[in-house]
């Protein structure tokens, strides 16, 4: 797992082990950071899982997953509409983005126009809630 950012003057690379580097456009190393104190997050996750199994405990990330997903949905709603969207408004929304029944013949919620291009959400014009 890692992140890379490319700019006109160079690039940044970061990985899950806590390392990061910045290189210029010619590939010369400008900055390097190695954080060897942080444990591997994937190993920590497994250690916690195995400990919970041994101790007959439950790790339930369902609520955090649901809240995270709803936060992403709200971000899309706010971006598309250009409006501030609060949690209660988003939960009360009647907006349906999927066909009632999904089959191979279902029409997708967004289709290209006559020009072959898909509509672009426009803040202030796109209706979200």
C-alpha atoms as a PDB file:
ATOM      1  CA  UNK A   1       0.000   0.000   0.000  1.00  0.00           C
ATOM      2  CA  UNK A   2       1.378   3.388  -0.858  1.00  0.00           C
ATOM      3  CA  UNK A   3       0.673   6.810  -2.241  1.00  0.00           C
ATOM      4  CA  UNK A   4       2.422   8.559  -5.096  1.00  0.00           C
ATOM      5  CA  UNK A   5       2.099  12.177  -6.163  1.00  0.00           C
ATOM      6  CA  UNK A   6       3.564  13.417  -9.425  1.00  0.00           C
ATOM      7  CA  UNK A   7       4.202  17.118  -9.990  1.00  0.00           C
ATOM      8  CA  UNK A   8       5.886  19.192 -12.660  1.00  0.00           C
ATOM      9  CA  UNK A   9       9.122  19.414 -10.639  1.00  0.00           C
ATOM     10  CA  UNK A  10       9.263  15.934  -9.117  1.00  0.00           C
ATOM     11  CA  UNK A  11       7.393  13.273  -7.199  1.00  0.00           C
ATOM     12  CA  UNK A  12       6.572  12.057  -3.697  1.00  0.00           C
ATOM     13  CA  UNK A  13       6.281   8.394  -2.719  1.00  0.00           C
ATOM     14  CA  UNK A  14       4.931   7.190   0.636  1.00  0.00           C
ATOM     15  CA  UNK A  15       4.372   3.612   1.756  1.00  0.00           C
ATOM     16  CA  UNK A  16       2.567   1.864   4.596  1.00  0.00           C
ATOM     17  CA  UNK A  17       5.799   1.170   6.444  1.00  0.00           C
ATOM     18  CA  UNK A  18       6.132   4.884   7.249  1.00  0.00           C
ATOM     19  CA  UNK A  19       8.722   5.678   4.590  1.00  0.00           C
ATOM     20  CA  UNK A  20       8.534   8.685   2.290  1.00  0.00           C
ATOM     21  CA  UNK A  21      10.771  10.178  -0.349  1.00  0.00           C
ATOM     22  CA  UNK A  22      10.797  13.206  -2.618  1.00  0.00           C
ATOM     23  CA  UNK A  23      12.677  13.119  -5.903  1.00  0.00           C
ATOM     24  CA  UNK A  24      13.163  15.830  -8.476  1.00  0.00           C
ATOM     25  CA  UNK A  25      12.186  15.459 -12.126  1.00  0.00           C
ATOM     26  CA  UNK A  26      15.586  13.925 -12.952  1.00  0.00           C
ATOM     27  CA  UNK A  27      15.151  11.291 -10.230  1.00  0.00           C
ATOM     28  CA  UNK A  28      17.589  12.832  -7.717  1.00  0.00           C
ATOM     29  CA  UNK A  29      16.628  12.136  -4.118  1.00  0.00           C
ATOM     30  CA  UNK A  30      15.797  15.434  -2.380  1.00  0.00           C
ATOM     31  CA  UNK A  31      14.343  14.117   0.870  1.00  0.00           C
ATOM     32  CA  UNK A  32      13.954  10.738   2.507  1.00  0.00           C
ATOM     33  CA  UNK A  33      12.167   9.744   5.705  1.00  0.00           C
ATOM     34  CA  UNK A  34      12.153   6.309   7.290  1.00  0.00           C
ATOM     35  CA  UNK A  35      10.020   5.802  10.376  1.00  0.00           C
ATOM     36  CA  UNK A  36      11.110   2.471  11.740  1.00  0.00           C
ATOM     37  CA  UNK A  37       9.374   3.000  15.096  1.00  0.00           C
ATOM     38  CA  UNK A  38       5.837   2.499  13.781  1.00  0.00           C
ATOM     39  CA  UNK A  39       4.761  -1.129  13.544  1.00  0.00           C
ATOM     40  CA  UNK A  40       3.299  -2.453  10.321  1.00  0.00           C
ATOM     41  CA  UNK A  41      -0.447  -1.592  10.533  1.00  0.00           C
ATOM     42  CA  UNK A  42      -1.438  -4.854   8.829  1.00  0.00           C
ATOM     43  CA  UNK A  43       0.488  -6.854  11.437  1.00  0.00           C
ATOM     44  CA  UNK A  44      -1.121  -4.839  14.260  1.00  0.00           C
ATOM     45  CA  UNK A  45      -4.561  -5.583  12.795  1.00  0.00           C
ATOM     46  CA  UNK A  46      -3.801  -9.309  12.705  1.00  0.00           C
ATOM     47  CA  UNK A  47      -2.362  -9.264  16.236  1.00  0.00           C
ATOM     48  CA  UNK A  48      -5.578  -7.666  17.543  1.00  0.00           C
ATOM     49  CA  UNK A  49      -7.728 -10.131  15.612  1.00  0.00           C
ATOM     50  CA  UNK A  50      -5.856 -13.181  16.954  1.00  0.00           C
ATOM     51  CA  UNK A  51      -5.918 -11.772  20.509  1.00  0.00           C
ATOM     52  CA  UNK A  52      -9.686 -11.258  20.295  1.00  0.00           C
ATOM     53  CA  UNK A  53     -10.168 -14.849  19.127  1.00  0.00           C
ATOM     54  CA  UNK A  54      -7.995 -16.219  21.953  1.00  0.00           C
ATOM     55  CA  UNK A  55      -9.843 -14.085  24.532  1.00  0.00           C
ATOM     56  CA  UNK A  56     -13.289 -14.860  23.079  1.00  0.00           C
ATOM     57  CA  UNK A  57     -13.869 -11.180  22.329  1.00  0.00           C
ATOM     58  CA  UNK A  58     -15.529  -9.616  19.322  1.00  0.00           C
ATOM     59  CA  UNK A  59     -14.057  -7.018  17.017  1.00  0.00           C
ATOM     60  CA  UNK A  60     -16.935  -5.371  15.202  1.00  0.00           C
ATOM     61  CA  UNK A  61     -16.034  -2.710  12.678  1.00  0.00           C
ATOM     62  CA  UNK A  62     -19.531  -2.655  11.144  1.00  0.00           C
ATOM     63  CA  UNK A  63     -20.553   0.665  12.736  1.00  0.00           C
ATOM     64  CA  UNK A  64     -17.300   2.378  11.771  1.00  0.00           C
ATOM     65  CA  UNK A  65     -17.627   0.974   8.253  1.00  0.00           C
ATOM     66  CA  UNK A  66     -21.201   2.229   7.934  1.00  0.00           C
ATOM     67  CA  UNK A  67     -20.268   5.692   9.224  1.00  0.00           C
ATOM     68  CA  UNK A  68     -17.273   5.835   6.906  1.00  0.00           C
ATOM     69  CA  UNK A  69     -19.430   4.899   3.920  1.00  0.00           C
ATOM     70  CA  UNK A  70     -22.079   7.475   4.856  1.00  0.00           C
ATOM     71  CA  UNK A  71     -19.372  10.129   5.181  1.00  0.00           C
ATOM     72  CA  UNK A  72     -18.212   9.332   1.636  1.00  0.00           C
ATOM     73  CA  UNK A  73     -21.800   9.509   0.364  1.00  0.00           C
ATOM     74  CA  UNK A  74     -22.252  12.890   2.053  1.00  0.00           C
ATOM     75  CA  UNK A  75     -19.026  14.095   0.456  1.00  0.00           C
ATOM     76  CA  UNK A  76     -20.340  13.131  -2.966  1.00  0.00           C
ATOM     77  CA  UNK A  77     -23.660  14.841  -2.230  1.00  0.00           C
ATOM     78  CA  UNK A  78     -21.929  18.045  -1.128  1.00  0.00           C
ATOM     79  CA  UNK A  79     -19.513  18.033  -4.061  1.00  0.00           C
ATOM     80  CA  UNK A  80     -22.189  17.413  -6.672  1.00  0.00           C
ATOM     81  CA  UNK A  81     -24.666  19.928  -5.242  1.00  0.00           C
ATOM     82  CA  UNK A  82     -22.322  22.621  -3.939  1.00  0.00           C
ATOM     83  CA  UNK A  83     -24.360  22.625  -0.723  1.00  0.00           C
ATOM     84  CA  UNK A  84     -23.619  21.843   2.897  1.00  0.00           C
ATOM     85  CA  UNK A  85     -25.152  18.459   3.652  1.00  0.00           C
ATOM     86  CA  UNK A  86     -25.667  17.405   7.249  1.00  0.00           C
ATOM     87  CA  UNK A  87     -25.976  13.868   8.558  1.00  0.00           C
ATOM     88  CA  UNK A  88     -29.743  13.976   9.240  1.00  0.00           C
ATOM     89  CA  UNK A  89     -30.543  15.451   5.802  1.00  0.00           C
ATOM     90  CA  UNK A  90     -28.502  12.767   4.098  1.00  0.00           C
ATOM     91  CA  UNK A  91     -30.199   9.977   6.068  1.00  0.00           C
ATOM     92  CA  UNK A  92     -33.671  11.351   5.257  1.00  0.00           C
ATOM     93  CA  UNK A  93     -32.931  11.683   1.536  1.00  0.00           C
ATOM     94  CA  UNK A  94     -35.318   9.860  -0.788  1.00  0.00           C
ATOM     95  CA  UNK A  95     -32.846  10.057  -3.680  1.00  0.00           C
ATOM     96  CA  UNK A  96     -32.472   6.649  -5.326  1.00  0.00           C
ATOM     97  CA  UNK A  97     -29.349   6.050  -7.394  1.00  0.00           C
ATOM     98  CA  UNK A  98     -30.072   2.475  -8.460  1.00  0.00           C
ATOM     99  CA  UNK A  99     -32.867   0.824 -10.409  1.00  0.00           C
ATOM    100  CA  UNK A 100     -35.473  -0.878  -8.223  1.00  0.00           C
ATOM    101  CA  UNK A 101     -34.403  -4.225  -9.605  1.00  0.00           C
ATOM    102  CA  UNK A 102     -30.909  -4.818 -10.973  1.00  0.00           C
ATOM    103  CA  UNK A 103     -30.733  -7.195 -13.918  1.00  0.00           C
ATOM    104  CA  UNK A 104     -28.584  -7.455 -17.032  1.00  0.00           C
ATOM    105  CA  UNK A 105     -31.282  -5.451 -18.824  1.00  0.00           C
ATOM    106  CA  UNK A 106     -31.515  -2.651 -16.210  1.00  0.00           C
ATOM    107  CA  UNK A 107     -30.872   0.874 -17.384  1.00  0.00           C
ATOM    108  CA  UNK A 108     -28.046   2.400 -15.322  1.00  0.00           C
ATOM    109  CA  UNK A 109     -28.849   5.540 -13.335  1.00  0.00           C
ATOM    110  CA  UNK A 110     -26.591   7.654 -15.557  1.00  0.00           C
ATOM    111  CA  UNK A 111     -26.410   7.247 -19.320  1.00  0.00           C
ATOM    112  CA  UNK A 112     -24.502   9.221 -21.947  1.00  0.00           C
ATOM    113  CA  UNK A 113     -26.277  11.991 -23.837  1.00  0.00           C
ATOM    114  CA  UNK A 114     -26.710  12.219 -27.608  1.00  0.00           C
ATOM    115  CA  UNK A 115     -23.129  13.474 -27.847  1.00  0.00           C
ATOM    116  CA  UNK A 116     -21.877  10.276 -26.176  1.00  0.00           C
ATOM    117  CA  UNK A 117     -20.763  12.147 -23.051  1.00  0.00           C
ATOM    118  CA  UNK A 118     -22.010  11.535 -19.555  1.00  0.00           C
ATOM    119  CA  UNK A 119     -23.606  14.456 -17.702  1.00  0.00           C
ATOM    120  CA  UNK A 120     -21.260  16.189 -15.294  1.00  0.00           C
ATOM    121  CA  UNK A 121     -22.605  17.061 -11.839  1.00  0.00           C
ATOM    122  CA  UNK A 122     -22.676  20.842 -11.497  1.00  0.00           C
ATOM    123  CA  UNK A 123     -22.663  22.453  -8.039  1.00  0.00           C
ATOM    124  CA  UNK A 124     -25.748  24.610  -7.615  1.00  0.00           C
ATOM    125  CA  UNK A 125     -27.612  22.782 -10.405  1.00  0.00           C
ATOM    126  CA  UNK A 126     -27.369  19.083  -9.600  1.00  0.00           C
ATOM    127  CA  UNK A 127     -30.201  17.960  -7.339  1.00  0.00           C
ATOM    128  CA  UNK A 128     -28.992  15.625  -4.618  1.00  0.00           C
ATOM    129  CA  UNK A 129     -31.594  15.321  -1.881  1.00  0.00           C
END
